[in-house]
Protein backbone atom coordinates (compact mmCIF):
# COMPACT_ATOMS: atom_id res chain seq x y z
CA MET A 1 105.21 105.22 136.78
CA LEU A 2 106.07 108.75 135.66
CA LEU A 3 103.36 110.83 134.03
CA CYS A 4 104.43 113.94 132.21
CA LEU A 5 101.88 116.44 130.94
CA THR A 6 102.77 119.21 128.56
CA VAL A 7 100.61 122.00 127.27
CA SER A 8 101.33 123.41 123.85
CA PRO A 9 100.75 127.12 123.17
CA LEU A 10 97.74 126.16 121.05
CA GLU A 11 96.19 124.14 123.86
CA ALA A 12 96.77 127.02 126.25
CA GLY A 13 94.87 129.37 123.95
CA GLN A 14 97.95 131.17 122.68
CA PRO A 15 98.17 132.00 118.95
CA GLU A 16 100.27 130.05 116.46
CA PRO A 17 103.87 131.38 116.69
CA SER A 18 103.88 132.97 113.25
CA ASP A 19 106.34 135.76 113.99
CA HIS A 20 109.32 133.80 112.65
CA PRO A 21 110.60 135.62 109.53
CA ASP A 22 110.34 132.42 107.43
CA TYR A 23 106.90 131.35 108.68
CA GLU A 24 105.01 132.21 105.46
CA ILE A 25 107.76 130.66 103.30
CA VAL A 26 107.66 127.40 105.26
CA LYS A 27 103.85 127.36 105.16
CA ALA A 28 103.95 127.78 101.36
CA VAL A 29 106.44 124.89 101.04
CA ILE A 30 104.13 122.67 103.13
CA GLU A 31 101.10 123.57 101.01
CA ASP A 32 103.03 123.18 97.75
CA SER A 33 104.12 119.69 98.83
CA ILE A 34 100.60 118.66 97.76
CA GLY A 35 99.57 121.65 95.64
CA TRP A 36 102.27 121.12 93.00
CA ALA A 37 100.15 118.27 91.63
CA ILE A 38 97.25 120.51 90.53
CA ASP A 39 99.36 121.80 87.63
CA LYS A 40 101.80 118.85 87.66
CA ASP A 41 104.64 121.27 88.33
CA LEU A 42 107.58 118.86 88.66
CA ASP A 43 110.06 121.71 89.05
CA ARG A 44 108.20 122.84 92.18
CA LEU A 45 107.95 119.28 93.51
CA PHE A 46 111.71 118.80 93.32
CA GLN A 47 112.42 122.25 94.83
CA ILE A 48 110.40 121.25 97.89
CA PHE A 49 111.77 117.83 98.80
CA ALA A 50 115.34 116.99 99.84
CA ASP A 51 117.35 116.01 96.78
CA ASP A 52 119.17 113.14 98.48
CA ASP A 53 118.83 109.73 100.10
CA ASP A 54 117.88 111.29 103.45
CA LEU A 55 114.34 112.06 102.24
CA LEU A 56 111.73 109.96 104.03
CA ILE A 57 108.02 110.06 103.16
CA TRP A 58 105.28 107.83 104.57
CA TRP A 59 101.77 108.14 103.21
CA VAL A 60 98.54 106.65 104.59
CA GLY A 61 98.93 103.21 102.97
CA SER A 62 101.64 100.71 103.77
CA ASN A 63 102.95 100.86 100.20
CA GLY A 64 102.85 104.65 99.93
CA GLY A 65 105.91 106.74 100.40
CA ALA A 66 109.48 107.31 99.39
CA ASP A 67 112.83 106.40 100.85
CA GLY A 68 115.13 108.86 99.12
CA ILE A 69 114.68 111.22 96.21
CA ASP A 70 114.93 108.42 93.63
CA ASP A 71 111.79 106.77 95.03
CA LEU A 72 109.98 110.11 94.82
CA ARG A 73 111.10 110.60 91.20
CA THR A 74 109.88 107.09 90.32
CA THR A 75 106.46 107.71 91.87
CA ALA A 76 106.18 111.06 90.10
CA GLU A 77 107.02 109.49 86.73
CA THR A 78 104.95 106.30 87.09
CA VAL A 79 101.88 107.69 88.87
CA TRP A 80 101.40 111.43 89.25
CA MET A 81 102.58 112.50 85.79
CA LYS A 82 100.51 109.87 84.00
CA PRO A 83 97.23 110.90 82.34
CA ASP A 84 95.42 108.46 84.69
CA PHE A 85 96.12 110.82 87.61
CA LYS A 86 94.63 114.27 88.08
CA ALA A 87 94.80 116.24 91.32
CA THR A 88 91.60 118.24 91.74
CA LYS A 89 91.76 119.97 95.13
CA PHE A 90 93.52 120.02 98.47
CA GLU A 91 93.08 121.82 101.75
CA PHE A 92 95.37 122.20 104.76
CA ARG A 93 93.72 123.01 108.08
CA ASP A 94 95.00 123.76 111.55
CA VAL A 95 98.59 124.16 110.33
CA ARG A 96 101.02 124.26 113.25
CA ILE A 97 104.64 125.18 112.53
CA ARG A 98 107.50 125.31 115.00
CA PHE A 99 111.11 126.40 114.44
CA SER A 100 114.34 125.26 116.06
CA LYS A 101 116.13 127.79 118.23
CA ASP A 102 118.86 128.24 115.61
CA GLY A 103 116.27 128.70 112.83
CA THR A 104 117.60 125.92 110.59
CA MET A 105 114.85 123.35 111.21
CA ALA A 106 111.07 123.51 111.24
CA TRP A 107 108.46 120.89 111.95
CA TYR A 108 104.74 120.96 111.31
CA ALA A 109 101.46 119.22 111.90
CA CYS A 110 98.13 119.80 110.18
CA HIS A 111 95.00 118.19 108.84
CA LEU A 112 94.81 117.60 105.09
CA ASP A 113 92.26 116.77 102.41
CA ASP A 114 93.87 115.61 99.16
CA CYS A 115 91.48 114.84 96.29
CA GLY A 116 91.78 113.80 92.69
CA ILE A 117 90.92 111.34 89.97
CA TRP A 118 92.69 108.03 89.33
CA LYS A 119 91.76 106.08 86.20
CA GLY A 120 88.44 107.90 86.00
CA GLU A 121 87.50 107.29 89.66
CA LYS A 122 87.30 110.20 92.08
CA PHE A 123 89.10 109.85 95.39
CA CYS A 124 89.59 112.03 98.40
CA VAL A 125 91.94 111.32 101.25
CA SER A 126 90.10 113.36 103.86
CA ASP A 127 91.09 114.61 107.27
CA VAL A 128 94.45 112.88 107.48
CA ARG A 129 97.01 114.05 109.99
CA LYS A 130 100.10 115.22 108.15
CA THR A 131 103.40 115.95 109.83
CA GLY A 132 106.87 116.71 108.62
CA VAL A 133 110.29 118.21 109.12
CA LEU A 134 111.96 120.88 107.00
CA GLU A 135 115.59 121.87 106.92
CA LYS A 136 116.93 125.21 105.73
CA ARG A 137 119.62 124.45 103.16
CA GLY A 138 121.28 127.64 102.08
CA ASP A 139 118.40 130.05 101.55
CA GLN A 140 115.82 127.37 100.74
CA TRP A 141 113.51 125.39 103.01
CA THR A 142 113.24 121.75 101.99
CA ILE A 143 111.17 118.88 103.35
CA VAL A 144 113.33 116.03 104.65
CA GLN A 145 110.58 113.98 106.29
CA SER A 146 106.82 113.76 105.80
CA HIS A 147 104.16 111.45 107.21
CA ALA A 148 100.39 111.16 106.80
CA SER A 149 97.99 108.93 108.71
CA TRP A 150 94.47 108.71 109.99
CA PRO A 151 93.73 108.41 113.66
CA VAL A 152 92.43 104.85 113.96
CA ASP A 153 89.01 106.13 115.06
CA LYS A 154 88.76 108.43 112.01
CA ILE A 155 89.54 106.01 109.17
CA PRO A 156 86.79 106.47 106.56
CA GLU A 157 84.38 103.53 106.39
CA ASP A 158 85.15 102.68 102.74
CA THR A 159 88.87 102.68 103.51
CA TRP A 160 88.29 100.61 106.64
CA GLN A 161 86.39 97.99 104.61
CA ARG A 162 89.22 97.79 102.05
CA LEU A 163 91.70 97.36 104.88
CA VAL A 164 89.66 94.55 106.46
CA LYS A 165 89.42 92.74 103.11
CA ALA A 166 93.14 93.16 102.45
CA ARG A 167 93.94 91.86 105.93
CA GLN A 168 91.68 88.83 105.37
CA ARG A 169 93.45 88.09 102.07
CA ASN A 170 96.84 88.37 103.74
CA ASP A 171 95.77 86.09 106.58
CA GLN A 172 94.56 83.48 104.07
CA GLU A 173 97.87 83.60 102.20
CA ASP A 174 99.88 82.97 105.39
């Protein structure tokens, strides 16, 4: 059995490599990938994400995400732009961004809180791990892949209970 250990610059106590000339631009794109919803700025949403079928987004639930820009447009129209949805706050923490050697790709990892109101009920997706990949297309950075999940030992108790109930229902239907 081969065991390979790597130490990232952050684990070694080195600072985040923020000297890349596009670091702040990429960080703003990452933050706006959630932040656009505060003002429901659809123009910003569609500047951020890849405008093609290569876009891949997975959110914390098994039915959350998009496979291509058309899925993202549908979700925006049928959920986020409806009066039933209101984004209220978000926070990115521990944002880690890395760039490819040729400077045309970037990938990131962070922790995210994403809160809002859905049909009058407050919600907050807290302390999820969010990762993604950006590609520089022309002069613009665009997200081509995004994923959010909880570590299994950090799933909030109310979410865990909903998952258990859903699993029990699914098992009964099989």
